[in-house]
Structures are given as C-alpha cells and as structure tokens.
Amino acid sequence: MATRPTRIAFPIKILKLFKSKHSFLHLFIFMIGLPIGFICSFYLQSFSATIQISISKVLHSSSLPSIPPLITSTLPPPQHANALISPSQPYADTLISPQEDTTLSLPPSSQPPAAPPALSPSSLLSPSMKEKMPMMHNMSDDDLVKRVMEVSTMMSSMINNAAAPYNKVAFMFLTPGPLPLSPLWELFFKGHEGLFSIYVHPHPSYNDTIPEDSVFYGTRITSQPVYWGDISMVDAERRLLANALLDPSNQRFVLLSDSCIPLFNFTTTYNYLVNSNLSYISSFDDKRKSGRGRYNPQMSPNITIQDWRKGSQWFEANRDLALAIVVERKYYSLFKEYCHPPCYNDEHYLPTLVNILYGKLNSNRTISYVDWSIAGPHPRKFVGRDITEELLNSIRFGSTECVYNDNTTPMCVLFARKFAPGTLNLLLTFAPLLFGAN
C-alpha cells in the first residue's frame, strides 16, 4: 500500500514544475537532458561489457593452458588381460577332425577382441632350433642325442612344461625295406594331417621311390644296419625316438614294423594314446628259461635277477619316457656288453630299464597284438586265407580285459602283426570294418 502514493506524487511534481515562471527554461533543459541520458546509458553498458571481456581474456591467458580441440581416437580397443596367451584345452573323448570342426558365428558387436594364437613349444625355440631338421642327415647317434637334449632344454626353460596347442603322435616304422601295407596306412592317416608324424628306419642300402602325394614321402631317417636279436635293434629304436623327439609337438611315440596294421580308425587310436596316463611297454617277470634263463650274472649288482624283465619289442611311450630312453647310458652299456644270444636285447632292455627306473610311468602291457600260439622263436604270420571278419574282430575285442586310466576295458590293443604283404587287398576290403567313419 505504501508504493501507490509514491507513484502518484511523481507526475504531480512534474506538473507543478511546468506551471512555475521558469517553466519554459525547465522544459528546455528537460528536453535536452533526456536524450543525453539515453546516450550516456547506452555507452556505459557497452563499456562495461568490453571491460568484462578484456578482463576475462587477461585472466584466462595468464592462468590456464590452451585446450586443444577434441580428437577422435583411431586406436583399437584394449585386449582383455587374460587374452595374452590362450592355453590349449585337453582333448575330449571324441576328437573333432579339422574337416568336422564348426565355429559359431557371433554378431560383430558381440564378438570379443581377437586373442593372439596360443604359443606352441616350437614357436618358442630359437631360429636355429625352429628350422626343421631334415630326416636324412649326417649326424652320429651321439650328436643326435645332443641335439635332442638342446631341444628339450630349450623347451623346459622357455615354456615351463606348458601344454602345446595340439599333440601329435609319432608313428615310427622299423623295417628292412619297403612298407608293403602302406596303402592301408594311407587310408588310416587320410584327413588327419597335423596330428601325426611318420618316421621310417629302413636298411641303409634300400632304395625307395615314394610318390610326393604319399604320407610316407620324406619320412625316411638316416639309418644303420639292424641285425635280429642284436644291440643294433635297440640302437634303431633309440634312433627313431631321437629323430621324433626333435619335433616338440610329438608327445606320444609308437614303434611299428612293416607287418603291422591299425585295428581302429585314426580318431579312436589318437584319443586312446593322447589321453592315456601311462606308456605301453610290455614288461613281465618270466621265470622260464626263455626269461630269467637269459640273465647274465655279470650284470649284477646294477641289474639283479629280481630286476630282470621280458617283453614285446613293439612299444608306445609318452614324451618324458621317450626322452629318458634316448639319453640313458648306464643300463644300455651293460646290455651291450653282456646280453648276447640267447639273450636278445630287444626283448629285455626296455622291459628291464622301465621296471628299474620308470615303473610308475608304465602300464606293463603292449598295445600291439601278436599270436604266439605256435611254438618257435617268431610269432604266427597271417596270410591271405586267414583274413576274415571273425579274425579281425577277435583280435580287436577278443582279449581279456585290461586297465586303461584306472578303468577296465575290453579294448586293449590298437595294432596287430605279423601280416604278410599278400594280405593287403583283403585288408583293404575290410577297411570299412576297421576304420568306419575315419
């Protein structure tokens, strides 16, 4: 209420001013002063704004750094911390071959950053180690063992026993010459490249001609003459192992002959070996003349009659045991000096060595079938008229149960011998039975 009289009083004072005797002079001054006031007010507002802007510029230039314009980064998103090394996973009970493998495709927005490939043992070797060792070389057996030790030392120091992204099985053929059953083996290996290696030890005088498209092309190693029952047989086995050990991806090692055949497809055989906790070297105490009767007391005290073992020459070993066999010298020297016919090195050296030093690594059984039902120094040889479905199935599943990874199983053998060259065509006929969907 107090503001209303104030608003009325201001016009009344103006009217009284115009009615005075100096009204004309006052009006003249008012008319001149009014535009001057508007002009001064406008310039004062502009001057104030200019002063504020200048002060702001001075303050910012003296106390704050200049801010660059925003730049959009073109760098890729960071990798996950745990994607630096992708460790390999153990193989499942059923192997998926490269042809069967499928990959689920995700939308681009939901795909994680791609991780670098897993590091394999061979990728960690020095350039000189990574170079593929030619199968045929001029190294002596001693030099070959030294090279194996170099590779093994390098692997141990650089990968610290890390698992390889895949494990290969080394198939080692000890033969006097050709491999007459190779077409059957070709079917066995077909489609599984990268999961196996092949090494062939023939007599050095044997001249072979292998087609370049064969899995056996370029698999011959530098060899020495081998004589039945002699220490040269053990030398050949160790030579095959040493050559196979030069490939760090080889984790299982199978010794086979030219008369051996596979009893199951590659997938079944591969899984059986790479998933096994033990090696397969036949080793048993034979108290007969053909067993303990071959023991030479001069081997004592390093090898006693209680240590003495007998077993099949055809074995399978994991990498640790294979390396131990190759570098072993003490017991090898004793056998070389004191085991002569009727002591046969190939039937006693490995079974005795494993019994003394590596019993916990071994199953004490073989996975290669032979028929000793006939008397004599050699097992039965199968010929064409013997090859039937009943025979093959009896070999595959007819044996008594055995132990595999602490469980009993009727599947105790993966290979069989001795099959004559003349059985090839019939064996190829039964390949669908043996291999199924390989």
Protein backbone atom coordinates (compact mmCIF):
# COMPACT_ATOMS: atom_id res chain seq x y z
CA MET A 1 0.00 0.00 0.00
CA ALA A 2 2.93 2.41 0.59
CA THR A 3 4.05 2.34 -3.03
CA ARG A 4 0.85 3.74 -4.55
CA PRO A 5 1.17 7.41 -3.18
CA THR A 6 4.78 7.47 -4.38
CA ARG A 7 3.76 6.59 -7.93
CA ILE A 8 1.08 9.40 -7.93
CA ALA A 9 3.33 12.05 -6.37
CA PHE A 10 5.97 11.93 -9.16
CA PRO A 11 3.66 13.18 -12.01
CA ILE A 12 2.20 15.89 -9.74
CA LYS A 13 5.70 17.28 -9.13
CA ILE A 14 6.33 17.39 -12.88
CA LEU A 15 3.09 19.37 -13.46
CA LYS A 16 3.96 21.87 -10.74
CA LEU A 17 7.37 22.39 -12.38
CA PHE A 18 5.78 23.34 -15.75
CA LYS A 19 3.33 25.88 -14.06
CA SER A 20 6.17 27.90 -12.45
CA LYS A 21 7.53 31.16 -14.01
CA HIS A 22 10.62 29.40 -15.18
CA SER A 23 8.59 26.66 -16.80
CA PHE A 24 9.90 27.32 -20.33
CA LEU A 25 13.51 27.13 -19.23
CA HIS A 26 12.90 24.00 -17.23
CA LEU A 27 11.15 22.36 -20.21
CA PHE A 28 14.03 23.21 -22.49
CA ILE A 29 16.58 21.68 -20.09
CA PHE A 30 14.42 18.57 -19.67
CA MET A 31 14.08 18.05 -23.42
CA ILE A 32 17.83 18.33 -23.95
CA GLY A 33 18.82 16.17 -20.95
CA LEU A 34 16.52 13.30 -21.76
CA PRO A 35 18.30 12.14 -24.98
CA ILE A 36 21.69 12.85 -23.41
CA GLY A 37 20.78 10.46 -20.60
CA PHE A 38 19.74 7.72 -23.02
CA ILE A 39 23.00 8.11 -24.97
CA CYS A 40 25.16 8.01 -21.85
CA SER A 41 23.33 4.98 -20.53
CA PHE A 42 23.92 3.05 -23.78
CA TYR A 43 27.67 3.83 -23.85
CA LEU A 44 28.10 2.92 -20.21
CA GLN A 45 26.54 -0.54 -20.82
CA SER A 46 28.80 -1.19 -23.86
CA PHE A 47 31.89 0.00 -22.00
CA SER A 48 31.10 -2.31 -19.05
CA ALA A 49 30.71 -5.34 -21.29
CA THR A 50 34.01 -4.56 -23.09
CA ILE A 51 35.85 -4.20 -19.81
CA GLN A 52 34.46 -7.57 -18.57
CA ILE A 53 35.53 -9.39 -21.76
CA SER A 54 39.03 -7.89 -21.64
CA ILE A 55 39.48 -8.82 -18.00
CA SER A 56 38.27 -12.39 -18.73
CA LYS A 57 40.81 -12.75 -21.57
CA VAL A 58 43.65 -11.50 -19.41
CA LEU A 59 42.79 -13.86 -16.57
CA HIS A 60 42.48 -16.93 -18.83
CA SER A 61 45.65 -16.22 -20.79
CA SER A 62 47.71 -15.82 -17.64
CA SER A 63 46.46 -18.80 -15.59
CA LEU A 64 45.11 -21.61 -17.85
CA PRO A 65 46.76 -23.59 -20.67
CA SER A 66 45.15 -23.68 -24.04
CA ILE A 67 42.79 -26.64 -24.63
CA PRO A 68 43.28 -28.44 -27.95
CA PRO A 69 40.28 -29.47 -29.94
CA LEU A 70 38.85 -32.96 -29.27
CA ILE A 71 40.45 -35.67 -31.47
CA THR A 72 38.63 -38.97 -32.02
CA SER A 73 40.98 -41.88 -31.30
CA THR A 74 41.60 -44.43 -34.05
CA LEU A 75 43.38 -46.96 -31.79
CA PRO A 76 41.79 -50.41 -31.38
CA PRO A 77 40.10 -51.28 -28.08
CA PRO A 78 42.42 -52.83 -25.48
CA GLN A 79 42.74 -56.62 -25.29
CA HIS A 80 41.39 -58.46 -22.31
CA ALA A 81 44.15 -59.08 -19.80
CA ASN A 82 43.62 -62.82 -19.90
CA ALA A 83 43.77 -62.94 -23.69
CA LEU A 84 47.53 -62.55 -23.91
CA ILE A 85 48.09 -66.30 -24.06
CA SER A 86 45.34 -68.75 -24.82
CA PRO A 87 46.28 -72.09 -23.27
CA SER A 88 45.24 -75.20 -25.09
CA GLN A 89 42.43 -77.31 -23.74
CA PRO A 90 42.80 -81.05 -23.25
CA TYR A 91 41.23 -83.16 -25.94
CA ALA A 92 37.81 -84.51 -25.21
CA ASP A 93 36.96 -88.18 -25.52
CA THR A 94 35.74 -87.61 -29.06
CA LEU A 95 38.17 -85.88 -31.39
CA ILE A 96 36.73 -83.37 -33.85
CA SER A 97 38.75 -83.57 -37.00
CA PRO A 98 39.61 -80.36 -38.89
CA GLN A 99 37.01 -81.23 -41.53
CA GLU A 100 34.25 -81.63 -38.93
CA ASP A 101 35.02 -78.57 -36.85
CA THR A 102 32.48 -75.77 -36.99
CA THR A 103 32.58 -72.32 -35.44
CA LEU A 104 29.57 -70.44 -34.09
CA SER A 105 29.40 -67.00 -35.73
CA LEU A 106 28.56 -64.08 -33.45
CA PRO A 107 27.29 -60.63 -34.48
CA PRO A 108 30.19 -58.16 -34.87
CA SER A 109 29.01 -56.13 -31.89
CA SER A 110 29.16 -59.11 -29.54
CA GLN A 111 32.48 -60.62 -30.62
CA PRO A 112 35.31 -60.19 -28.10
CA PRO A 113 38.70 -58.85 -29.24
CA ALA A 114 40.69 -61.50 -31.05
CA ALA A 115 43.42 -63.00 -28.86
CA PRO A 116 46.87 -63.84 -30.25
CA PRO A 117 47.34 -67.52 -31.15
CA ALA A 118 48.45 -69.85 -28.38
CA LEU A 119 52.20 -70.33 -28.11
CA SER A 120 53.39 -73.78 -29.10
CA PRO A 121 56.70 -75.23 -27.91
CA SER A 122 58.12 -74.98 -31.41
CA SER A 123 57.23 -71.27 -31.63
CA LEU A 124 59.36 -70.56 -28.56
CA LEU A 125 62.53 -72.11 -29.91
CA SER A 126 65.37 -70.03 -31.25
CA PRO A 127 65.60 -69.62 -35.04
CA SER A 128 68.25 -72.33 -35.26
CA MET A 129 66.04 -74.70 -33.29
CA LYS A 130 62.89 -73.88 -35.24
CA GLU A 131 64.40 -74.91 -38.55
CA LYS A 132 63.01 -78.28 -39.49
CA MET A 133 65.61 -80.98 -39.10
CA PRO A 134 65.89 -82.93 -42.35
CA MET A 135 65.07 -86.61 -41.98
CA MET A 136 68.29 -87.55 -43.74
CA HIS A 137 71.34 -86.04 -42.07
CA ASN A 138 74.98 -86.81 -41.31
CA MET A 139 74.78 -86.72 -37.53
CA SER A 140 76.05 -89.65 -35.50
CA ASP A 141 73.78 -91.18 -32.87
CA ASP A 142 75.67 -89.29 -30.15
CA ASP A 143 75.30 -85.98 -31.99
CA LEU A 144 71.63 -86.71 -32.50
CA VAL A 145 71.14 -87.24 -28.76
CA LYS A 146 72.95 -83.96 -28.05
CA ARG A 147 70.58 -82.18 -30.43
CA VAL A 148 67.61 -83.77 -28.67
CA MET A 149 68.91 -82.51 -25.34
CA GLU A 150 69.28 -79.00 -26.75
CA VAL A 151 65.67 -79.02 -27.90
CA SER A 152 64.43 -80.45 -24.59
CA THR A 153 66.43 -77.94 -22.54
CA MET A 154 65.14 -75.07 -24.63
CA MET A 155 61.56 -76.28 -24.22
CA SER A 156 61.88 -76.68 -20.45
CA SER A 157 63.38 -73.24 -19.89
CA MET A 158 61.04 -71.32 -22.18
CA ILE A 159 57.61 -72.88 -21.81
CA ASN A 160 57.97 -74.38 -18.33
CA ASN A 161 56.05 -77.51 -19.28
CA ALA A 162 53.12 -75.57 -20.72
CA ALA A 163 50.80 -77.62 -22.88
CA ALA A 164 51.13 -77.42 -26.64
CA PRO A 165 48.05 -76.26 -28.58
CA TYR A 166 47.90 -79.74 -30.05
CA ASN A 167 49.70 -83.04 -29.50
CA LYS A 168 50.99 -85.21 -32.31
CA VAL A 169 51.55 -88.95 -32.31
CA ALA A 170 54.83 -90.12 -33.85
CA PHE A 171 54.45 -93.36 -35.82
CA MET A 172 57.90 -94.96 -36.11
CA PHE A 173 58.32 -97.80 -38.61
CA LEU A 174 61.29 -100.15 -38.21
CA THR A 175 61.57 -102.09 -41.46
CA PRO A 176 64.25 -103.86 -43.53
CA GLY A 177 62.99 -102.22 -46.70
CA PRO A 178 59.57 -101.35 -48.15
CA LEU A 179 56.25 -100.92 -46.37
CA PRO A 180 54.01 -103.35 -48.28
CA LEU A 181 50.91 -102.45 -46.24
CA SER A 182 51.33 -98.69 -46.75
CA PRO A 183 48.05 -98.30 -48.76
CA LEU A 184 46.13 -99.40 -45.67
CA TRP A 185 48.06 -96.90 -43.56
CA GLU A 186 47.35 -94.19 -46.13
CA LEU A 187 43.62 -94.71 -45.51
CA PHE A 188 44.24 -94.65 -41.77
CA PHE A 189 46.06 -91.29 -41.85
CA LYS A 190 43.89 -89.61 -44.51
CA GLY A 191 42.23 -86.40 -43.33
CA HIS A 192 44.19 -86.06 -40.09
CA GLU A 193 47.22 -84.10 -41.23
CA GLY A 194 48.81 -82.12 -38.43
CA LEU A 195 48.01 -84.70 -35.74
CA PHE A 196 50.69 -87.25 -36.60
CA SER A 197 54.31 -87.60 -37.70
CA ILE A 198 55.89 -90.55 -39.52
CA TYR A 199 59.49 -91.82 -39.26
CA VAL A 200 60.77 -94.77 -41.28
CA HIS A 201 64.02 -96.63 -40.49
CA PRO A 202 64.86 -99.00 -43.38
CA HIS A 203 68.15 -100.70 -44.13
CA PRO A 204 70.55 -98.01 -45.45
CA SER A 205 71.05 -99.92 -48.70
CA TYR A 206 67.34 -99.93 -49.51
CA ASN A 207 66.40 -97.69 -52.47
CA ASP A 208 62.85 -96.43 -52.26
CA THR A 209 60.64 -94.42 -54.59
CA ILE A 210 57.78 -92.76 -52.73
CA PRO A 211 55.20 -90.61 -54.57
CA GLU A 212 55.19 -86.99 -53.43
CA ASP A 213 51.47 -87.16 -52.58
CA SER A 214 52.02 -90.06 -50.16
CA VAL A 215 52.03 -89.50 -46.39
CA PHE A 216 55.26 -91.54 -46.37
CA TYR A 217 57.07 -89.14 -48.70
CA GLY A 218 60.12 -87.63 -46.98
CA THR A 219 59.74 -89.70 -43.80
CA ARG A 220 62.88 -91.81 -44.13
CA ILE A 221 65.55 -91.11 -41.50
CA THR A 222 69.29 -91.73 -41.55
CA SER A 223 69.62 -95.41 -40.64
CA GLN A 224 72.14 -98.12 -39.81
CA PRO A 225 72.06 -101.88 -40.46
CA VAL A 226 69.94 -103.83 -37.97
CA TYR A 227 70.50 -107.46 -37.01
CA TRP A 228 67.88 -109.58 -35.30
CA GLY A 229 68.44 -110.03 -31.57
CA ASP A 230 71.48 -107.74 -31.60
CA ILE A 231 72.03 -104.45 -29.77
CA SER A 232 71.67 -102.80 -33.19
CA MET A 233 67.93 -103.39 -32.81
CA VAL A 234 67.90 -101.23 -29.67
CA ASP A 235 70.08 -98.66 -31.45
CA ALA A 236 67.50 -98.40 -34.23
CA GLU A 237 64.67 -97.92 -31.72
CA ARG A 238 66.57 -95.17 -29.93
CA ARG A 239 67.48 -93.58 -33.28
CA LEU A 240 63.82 -93.42 -34.27
CA LEU A 241 62.89 -91.93 -30.90
CA ALA A 242 65.65 -89.32 -31.12
CA ASN A 243 64.57 -88.15 -34.56
CA ALA A 244 60.95 -87.95 -33.44
CA LEU A 245 61.89 -86.03 -30.28
CA LEU A 246 63.32 -83.23 -32.41
CA ASP A 247 59.71 -82.20 -33.12
CA PRO A 248 58.41 -80.62 -29.89
CA SER A 249 54.80 -81.31 -30.91
CA ASN A 250 55.31 -85.08 -30.80
CA GLN A 251 54.00 -86.25 -27.43
CA ARG A 252 53.35 -89.98 -28.00
CA PHE A 253 55.66 -92.42 -29.79
CA VAL A 254 54.64 -95.75 -31.31
CA LEU A 255 57.11 -98.34 -32.63
CA LEU A 256 55.71 -100.38 -35.52
CA SER A 257 57.02 -102.90 -38.04
CA ASP A 258 56.44 -103.32 -41.76
CA SER A 259 53.93 -106.12 -40.96
CA CYS A 260 51.78 -104.07 -38.55
CA ILE A 261 48.22 -102.94 -39.25
CA PRO A 262 45.94 -100.49 -37.43
CA LEU A 263 42.89 -102.07 -35.83
CA PHE A 264 40.79 -98.93 -35.37
CA ASN A 265 40.38 -95.60 -37.12
CA PHE A 266 42.73 -92.71 -36.50
CA THR A 267 40.37 -90.82 -34.20
CA THR A 268 39.95 -93.76 -31.83
CA THR A 269 43.67 -94.54 -31.87
CA TYR A 270 44.70 -90.92 -31.36
CA ASN A 271 42.36 -90.34 -28.43
CA TYR A 272 43.40 -93.60 -26.78
CA LEU A 273 47.05 -92.54 -26.83
CA VAL A 274 46.98 -88.80 -26.10
CA ASN A 275 44.51 -89.22 -23.25
CA SER A 276 46.38 -92.09 -21.60
CA ASN A 277 48.05 -91.59 -18.23
CA LEU A 278 50.67 -94.28 -18.88
CA SER A 279 53.00 -95.66 -21.54
CA TYR A 280 52.67 -99.14 -23.05
CA ILE A 281 55.87 -101.17 -22.76
CA SER A 282 55.39 -104.85 -22.14
CA SER A 283 57.32 -105.86 -19.02
CA PHE A 284 56.83 -109.04 -17.01
CA ASP A 285 58.84 -111.48 -14.93
CA ASP A 286 59.23 -114.67 -16.96
CA LYS A 287 60.70 -117.33 -14.67
CA ARG A 288 61.21 -119.80 -17.51
CA LYS A 289 64.42 -120.49 -19.38
CA SER A 290 63.27 -118.07 -22.10
CA GLY A 291 63.03 -115.35 -19.43
CA ARG A 292 65.21 -115.46 -16.33
CA GLY A 293 67.31 -118.11 -18.05
CA ARG A 294 68.74 -115.37 -20.29
CA TYR A 295 70.00 -113.26 -17.40
CA ASN A 296 73.77 -112.79 -17.19
CA PRO A 297 75.05 -112.57 -13.57
CA GLN A 298 77.82 -110.26 -14.75
CA MET A 299 75.19 -107.50 -14.90
CA SER A 300 74.98 -107.57 -11.10
CA PRO A 301 74.82 -105.53 -8.90
CA ASN A 302 73.39 -102.87 -11.22
CA ILE A 303 70.88 -105.35 -12.64
CA THR A 304 69.83 -108.27 -10.45
CA ILE A 305 67.82 -111.34 -11.34
CA GLN A 306 64.89 -109.74 -9.49
CA ASP A 307 65.13 -106.70 -11.78
CA TRP A 308 65.24 -108.79 -14.95
CA ARG A 309 62.17 -108.47 -17.21
CA LYS A 310 60.99 -109.64 -20.61
CA GLY A 311 58.53 -108.08 -23.03
CA SER A 312 57.48 -107.31 -26.56
CA GLN A 313 59.75 -105.17 -28.69
CA TRP A 314 56.83 -103.10 -30.06
CA PHE A 315 56.08 -100.34 -27.60
CA GLU A 316 54.40 -96.99 -27.10
CA ALA A 317 55.80 -94.23 -24.86
CA ASN A 318 54.98 -90.69 -23.84
CA ARG A 319 57.50 -87.90 -24.37
CA ASP A 320 59.07 -88.00 -20.89
CA LEU A 321 59.76 -91.70 -21.09
CA ALA A 322 60.94 -91.49 -24.70
CA LEU A 323 63.49 -88.84 -23.73
CA ALA A 324 64.68 -90.94 -20.78
CA ILE A 325 65.22 -93.93 -23.08
CA VAL A 326 67.24 -91.92 -25.58
CA VAL A 327 69.64 -90.35 -23.08
CA GLU A 328 70.12 -93.43 -20.86
CA ARG A 329 73.67 -94.84 -20.89
CA LYS A 330 74.29 -96.93 -17.77
CA TYR A 331 71.98 -99.88 -18.45
CA TYR A 332 72.43 -99.67 -22.20
CA SER A 333 76.18 -100.25 -21.74
CA LEU A 334 75.53 -103.31 -19.57
CA PHE A 335 73.21 -104.86 -22.14
CA LYS A 336 75.60 -104.09 -24.96
CA GLU A 337 78.42 -105.86 -23.13
CA TYR A 338 76.65 -108.80 -21.50
CA CYS A 339 73.44 -109.56 -23.43
CA HIS A 340 74.16 -111.82 -26.42
CA PRO A 341 72.10 -114.68 -27.90
CA PRO A 342 70.28 -116.46 -26.46
CA CYS A 343 69.83 -113.15 -24.64
CA TYR A 344 68.01 -110.79 -27.00
CA ASN A 345 68.37 -107.08 -26.30
CA ASP A 346 65.12 -106.03 -27.95
CA GLU A 347 63.12 -108.34 -25.65
CA HIS A 348 64.85 -107.41 -22.38
CA TYR A 349 66.50 -103.97 -22.44
CA LEU A 350 63.43 -101.70 -22.33
CA PRO A 351 61.33 -104.00 -20.10
CA THR A 352 64.17 -104.19 -17.56
CA LEU A 353 65.06 -100.49 -17.77
CA VAL A 354 61.47 -99.39 -17.24
CA ASN A 355 61.00 -101.86 -14.38
CA ILE A 356 64.04 -100.47 -12.54
CA LEU A 357 63.58 -96.74 -13.13
CA TYR A 358 60.16 -95.86 -14.51
CA GLY A 359 57.68 -98.45 -13.31
CA LYS A 360 55.11 -95.85 -12.27
CA LEU A 361 55.04 -94.41 -15.79
CA ASN A 362 54.29 -97.73 -17.45
CA SER A 363 51.25 -99.98 -17.84
CA ASN A 364 53.49 -103.09 -18.30
CA ARG A 365 51.45 -104.18 -21.33
CA THR A 366 51.74 -103.72 -25.09
CA ILE A 367 49.11 -102.34 -27.45
CA SER A 368 50.38 -104.38 -30.42
CA TYR A 369 48.84 -107.82 -30.83
CA VAL A 370 50.88 -110.89 -31.83
CA ASP A 371 49.89 -114.55 -31.92
CA TRP A 372 52.32 -116.78 -30.02
CA SER A 373 50.09 -119.83 -30.25
CA ILE A 374 52.64 -121.69 -32.37
CA ALA A 375 55.96 -122.87 -30.98
CA GLY A 376 59.11 -121.20 -32.22
CA PRO A 377 61.20 -118.06 -31.99
CA HIS A 378 58.78 -116.00 -34.09
CA PRO A 379 55.04 -115.33 -33.79
CA ARG A 380 52.46 -116.51 -36.28
CA LYS A 381 52.37 -114.76 -39.67
CA PHE A 382 48.90 -114.13 -41.09
CA VAL A 383 48.41 -114.85 -44.79
CA GLY A 384 45.59 -114.19 -47.23
CA ARG A 385 43.41 -117.16 -46.30
CA ASP A 386 43.47 -116.09 -42.65
CA ILE A 387 41.92 -112.67 -43.18
CA THR A 388 38.26 -112.77 -42.17
CA GLU A 389 35.92 -110.52 -40.28
CA GLU A 390 35.89 -113.02 -37.42
CA LEU A 391 39.68 -112.94 -37.13
CA LEU A 392 39.88 -109.16 -37.13
CA ASN A 393 37.12 -108.76 -34.54
CA SER A 394 38.63 -111.45 -32.34
CA ILE A 395 41.90 -109.51 -32.34
CA ARG A 396 40.19 -106.17 -31.71
CA PHE A 397 37.89 -107.26 -28.89
CA GLY A 398 38.73 -110.86 -28.08
CA SER A 399 41.43 -110.32 -25.47
CA THR A 400 40.80 -110.36 -21.76
CA GLU A 401 40.01 -107.04 -20.15
CA CYS A 402 42.84 -104.67 -19.29
CA VAL A 403 43.22 -101.44 -17.34
CA TYR A 404 43.11 -98.05 -19.05
CA ASN A 405 43.30 -94.92 -16.88
CA ASP A 406 42.28 -96.93 -13.80
CA ASN A 407 39.22 -98.43 -15.53
CA THR A 408 38.80 -101.88 -17.05
CA THR A 409 38.19 -102.07 -20.80
CA PRO A 410 37.99 -104.79 -23.48
CA MET A 411 39.90 -102.52 -25.88
CA CYS A 412 43.48 -103.49 -25.11
CA VAL A 413 45.31 -103.41 -28.46
CA LEU A 414 45.41 -100.80 -31.24
CA PHE A 415 47.73 -102.55 -33.72
CA ALA A 416 48.43 -106.11 -34.82
CA ARG A 417 51.20 -108.07 -36.55
CA LYS A 418 52.52 -110.08 -38.43
CA PHE A 419 50.54 -109.65 -41.67
CA ALA A 420 52.15 -110.82 -44.90
CA PRO A 421 52.25 -108.49 -47.93
CA GLY A 422 49.73 -110.74 -49.69
CA THR A 423 47.02 -109.77 -47.17
CA LEU A 424 46.84 -106.17 -48.40
CA ASN A 425 43.91 -106.49 -50.83
CA LEU A 426 41.76 -108.34 -48.32
CA LEU A 427 42.65 -105.87 -45.59
CA LEU A 428 41.60 -103.01 -47.87
CA THR A 429 38.29 -104.81 -48.37
CA PHE A 430 37.80 -104.85 -44.60
CA ALA A 431 38.93 -101.22 -44.16
CA PRO A 432 35.32 -100.03 -43.58
CA LEU A 433 35.09 -102.55 -40.73
CA LEU A 434 38.36 -101.35 -39.19
CA PHE A 435 38.04 -97.63 -39.79
CA GLY A 436 34.31 -96.95 -40.12
CA ALA A 437 33.87 -93.18 -40.49
CA ASN A 438 37.56 -92.36 -40.10
